Amino acid sequence: MNWTDERVEKLKKLWSEGLSASQIAAQLGGVSRNAVIGKVHRLNLPGRAKAGGTATAARTPKRNATAPRPASFGSRVATRTVVARQQGATMLKEEIDVDTVNEIQYRPASNVVVPISRRLGLTELTERTCKWPVGDPLKDDFHFCGNESPDASPYCGYHQRLAYQPVHERRRPAQPRG
């Protein structure tokens, strides 16, 4: 089947009305849906019109205001960025809001006493020893804390406080001491 001038004009008209490629192929007759899609691309026709309203009306509206954040989180700076993304056969330019986060500097407390570890290997651990890993497992000086652990805990008192932090303390940013 050859694309005559009349068939190309009919294709352009139907495409601009928002018909799908298979609907156009059925109306033209003698061509497949893929032939219609190929011809549309070769003609560089814009993305077909959407039936039933504009593309922006079908989308959900953007949030204008960001949700209020607790004071414990660092402030964010919103910057507007233009992003091109492909949708179907067309490229769309869209403005999106990008949130950047100011990093909070962590300063550990200086008055904490760190217990001296017993430097136990994996085979030396028991039910009553602290299993807190120290160092890089791929290095020769890797070991476990090995201090005595209370009752059913895998860690000594010091490492328990590191591992099991109450929720309100995890969400609170580190307060600078001075």
Protein backbone atom coordinates (compact mmCIF):
# COMPACT_ATOMS: atom_id res chain seq x y z
CA MET A 1 0.00 0.00 0.00
CA ASN A 2 1.34 3.41 -0.97
CA TRP A 3 0.84 6.59 1.01
CA THR A 4 -0.99 8.91 -1.36
CA ASP A 5 -1.36 12.61 -0.66
CA GLU A 6 -5.05 12.17 0.23
CA ARG A 7 -4.25 9.34 2.69
CA VAL A 8 -1.46 11.39 4.31
CA GLU A 9 -3.83 14.36 4.73
CA LYS A 10 -6.50 12.10 6.23
CA LEU A 11 -3.84 10.64 8.55
CA LYS A 12 -2.80 14.14 9.69
CA LYS A 13 -6.44 15.13 10.27
CA LEU A 14 -7.30 12.01 12.26
CA TRP A 15 -4.08 12.25 14.25
CA SER A 16 -4.77 15.86 15.21
CA GLU A 17 -8.29 14.84 16.32
CA GLY A 18 -6.70 12.50 18.85
CA LEU A 19 -7.53 9.12 17.34
CA SER A 20 -5.25 6.23 18.20
CA ALA A 21 -3.00 4.62 15.61
CA SER A 22 -5.19 1.51 15.46
CA GLN A 23 -8.34 3.60 14.96
CA ILE A 24 -6.65 5.52 12.14
CA ALA A 25 -5.45 2.26 10.55
CA ALA A 26 -9.01 0.92 10.63
CA GLN A 27 -10.41 4.08 8.99
CA LEU A 28 -7.73 4.23 6.32
CA GLY A 29 -7.92 0.50 5.57
CA GLY A 30 -5.09 -1.57 4.14
CA VAL A 31 -2.50 -0.36 6.68
CA SER A 32 -1.43 -1.68 10.04
CA ARG A 33 -1.22 0.21 13.31
CA ASN A 34 2.59 0.06 13.08
CA ALA A 35 2.51 1.53 9.57
CA VAL A 36 0.49 4.47 10.90
CA ILE A 37 2.92 4.97 13.80
CA GLY A 38 5.90 4.83 11.43
CA LYS A 39 4.35 7.38 9.06
CA VAL A 40 3.51 9.71 11.97
CA HIS A 41 7.15 9.62 13.08
CA ARG A 42 8.47 10.20 9.56
CA LEU A 43 6.13 13.17 9.19
CA ASN A 44 7.33 14.50 12.58
CA LEU A 45 3.76 15.03 13.71
CA PRO A 46 3.38 16.32 17.29
CA GLY A 47 1.99 14.03 19.99
CA ARG A 48 -1.62 13.25 19.26
CA ALA A 49 -4.31 15.26 21.02
CA LYS A 50 -5.83 13.52 24.00
CA ALA A 51 -9.50 12.69 23.71
CA GLY A 52 -11.58 13.99 26.60
CA GLY A 53 -9.72 17.12 27.66
CA THR A 54 -6.25 18.55 27.82
CA ALA A 55 -3.24 16.76 29.23
CA THR A 56 -2.94 19.21 32.11
CA ALA A 57 -6.57 18.75 33.18
CA ALA A 58 -6.13 14.98 33.41
CA ARG A 59 -3.12 15.27 35.69
CA THR A 60 -3.42 15.56 39.42
CA PRO A 61 -2.69 19.08 40.64
CA LYS A 62 0.73 19.75 42.15
CA ARG A 63 1.09 20.49 45.81
CA ASN A 64 1.80 24.17 46.26
CA ALA A 65 2.96 24.07 49.86
CA THR A 66 5.29 21.54 51.37
CA ALA A 67 4.10 19.66 54.40
CA PRO A 68 5.19 21.19 57.72
CA ARG A 69 8.33 19.53 59.01
CA PRO A 70 9.28 18.97 62.61
CA ALA A 71 11.91 21.34 63.95
CA SER A 72 14.36 18.48 64.35
CA PHE A 73 14.97 18.20 60.62
CA GLY A 74 17.43 20.44 58.83
CA SER A 75 16.01 23.22 56.71
CA ARG A 76 15.50 22.54 53.03
CA VAL A 77 16.05 24.88 50.15
CA ALA A 78 13.68 24.35 47.24
CA THR A 79 15.10 25.05 43.81
CA ARG A 80 13.15 24.96 40.56
CA THR A 81 14.62 22.84 37.80
CA VAL A 82 13.43 22.35 34.23
CA VAL A 83 13.54 18.70 33.22
CA ALA A 84 12.89 17.25 29.76
CA ARG A 85 11.32 13.81 29.76
CA GLN A 86 9.91 11.68 27.01
CA GLN A 87 6.26 10.73 27.00
CA GLY A 88 5.10 8.69 24.05
CA ALA A 89 6.47 10.20 20.88
CA THR A 90 7.06 13.68 22.30
CA MET A 91 9.46 15.38 24.66
CA LEU A 92 7.85 17.37 27.46
CA LYS A 93 9.52 20.13 29.41
CA GLU A 94 8.34 20.23 32.98
CA GLU A 95 9.31 22.34 35.96
CA ILE A 96 9.79 20.37 39.14
CA ASP A 97 10.74 21.37 42.67
CA VAL A 98 13.93 19.83 43.98
CA ASP A 99 14.52 19.85 47.72
CA THR A 100 18.07 20.09 48.97
CA VAL A 101 18.93 19.31 52.55
CA ASN A 102 21.37 21.20 54.73
CA GLU A 103 23.52 18.62 56.45
CA ILE A 104 23.69 18.77 60.24
CA GLN A 105 27.18 18.39 61.67
CA TYR A 106 27.35 15.67 64.32
CA ARG A 107 29.65 16.18 67.29
CA PRO A 108 29.79 13.24 69.68
CA ALA A 109 29.67 13.90 73.41
CA SER A 110 33.14 14.33 74.86
CA ASN A 111 32.35 13.02 78.35
CA VAL A 112 31.54 9.43 77.33
CA VAL A 113 33.68 6.68 78.76
CA VAL A 114 34.33 3.92 76.22
CA PRO A 115 35.07 0.57 77.86
CA ILE A 116 38.24 -1.22 76.90
CA SER A 117 37.31 -4.16 74.74
CA ARG A 118 38.61 -7.65 75.44
CA ARG A 119 39.33 -8.12 71.70
CA LEU A 120 37.70 -11.52 71.29
CA GLY A 121 37.54 -13.46 68.06
CA LEU A 122 34.34 -15.04 66.72
CA THR A 123 35.10 -18.46 68.17
CA GLU A 124 35.75 -17.00 71.64
CA LEU A 125 32.28 -15.40 72.03
CA THR A 126 29.82 -16.86 74.54
CA GLU A 127 26.24 -16.08 75.59
CA ARG A 128 27.54 -13.67 78.22
CA THR A 129 29.98 -11.65 76.06
CA CYS A 130 29.36 -8.49 74.02
CA LYS A 131 29.12 -9.24 70.31
CA TRP A 132 29.68 -5.66 69.09
CA PRO A 133 32.01 -5.81 66.04
CA VAL A 134 35.04 -3.53 66.09
CA GLY A 135 36.98 -2.68 62.93
CA ASP A 136 36.86 -3.91 59.36
CA PRO A 137 35.97 -7.61 59.00
CA LEU A 138 38.43 -7.89 56.10
CA LYS A 139 41.41 -6.73 58.21
CA ASP A 140 43.51 -8.82 60.59
CA ASP A 141 42.79 -6.59 63.61
CA PHE A 142 39.01 -7.16 63.45
CA HIS A 143 37.53 -8.32 66.77
CA PHE A 144 34.46 -8.17 68.99
CA CYS A 145 34.10 -6.10 72.17
CA GLY A 146 33.87 -9.19 74.42
CA ASN A 147 32.92 -7.37 77.64
CA GLU A 148 30.31 -8.95 79.88
CA SER A 149 26.74 -8.54 78.63
CA PRO A 150 23.74 -8.49 80.98
CA ASP A 151 21.03 -11.21 80.85
CA ALA A 152 19.70 -11.89 77.35
CA SER A 153 21.38 -8.96 75.57
CA PRO A 154 24.01 -9.51 72.88
CA TYR A 155 25.78 -6.26 73.88
CA CYS A 156 27.45 -4.79 76.96
CA GLY A 157 25.87 -1.77 78.68
CA TYR A 158 27.83 0.74 76.59
CA HIS A 159 27.00 -0.85 73.23
CA GLN A 160 23.35 -1.32 74.27
CA ARG A 161 23.04 2.46 74.55
CA LEU A 162 24.47 2.82 71.04
CA ALA A 163 22.32 0.10 69.47
CA TYR A 164 18.99 0.68 71.22
CA GLN A 165 18.18 4.37 71.17
CA PRO A 166 14.70 5.56 72.15
CA VAL A 167 12.70 6.93 69.20
CA HIS A 168 12.58 10.50 70.54
CA GLU A 169 16.38 10.57 70.86
CA ARG A 170 16.95 9.28 67.32
CA ARG A 171 14.81 12.05 65.85
CA ARG A 172 16.37 14.82 67.93
CA PRO A 173 19.39 16.40 66.22
CA ALA A 174 22.69 16.43 68.07
CA GLN A 175 22.85 19.48 70.31
CA PRO A 176 26.23 21.27 70.14
CA ARG A 177 27.85 21.11 73.57
CA GLY A 178 30.14 23.76 74.66
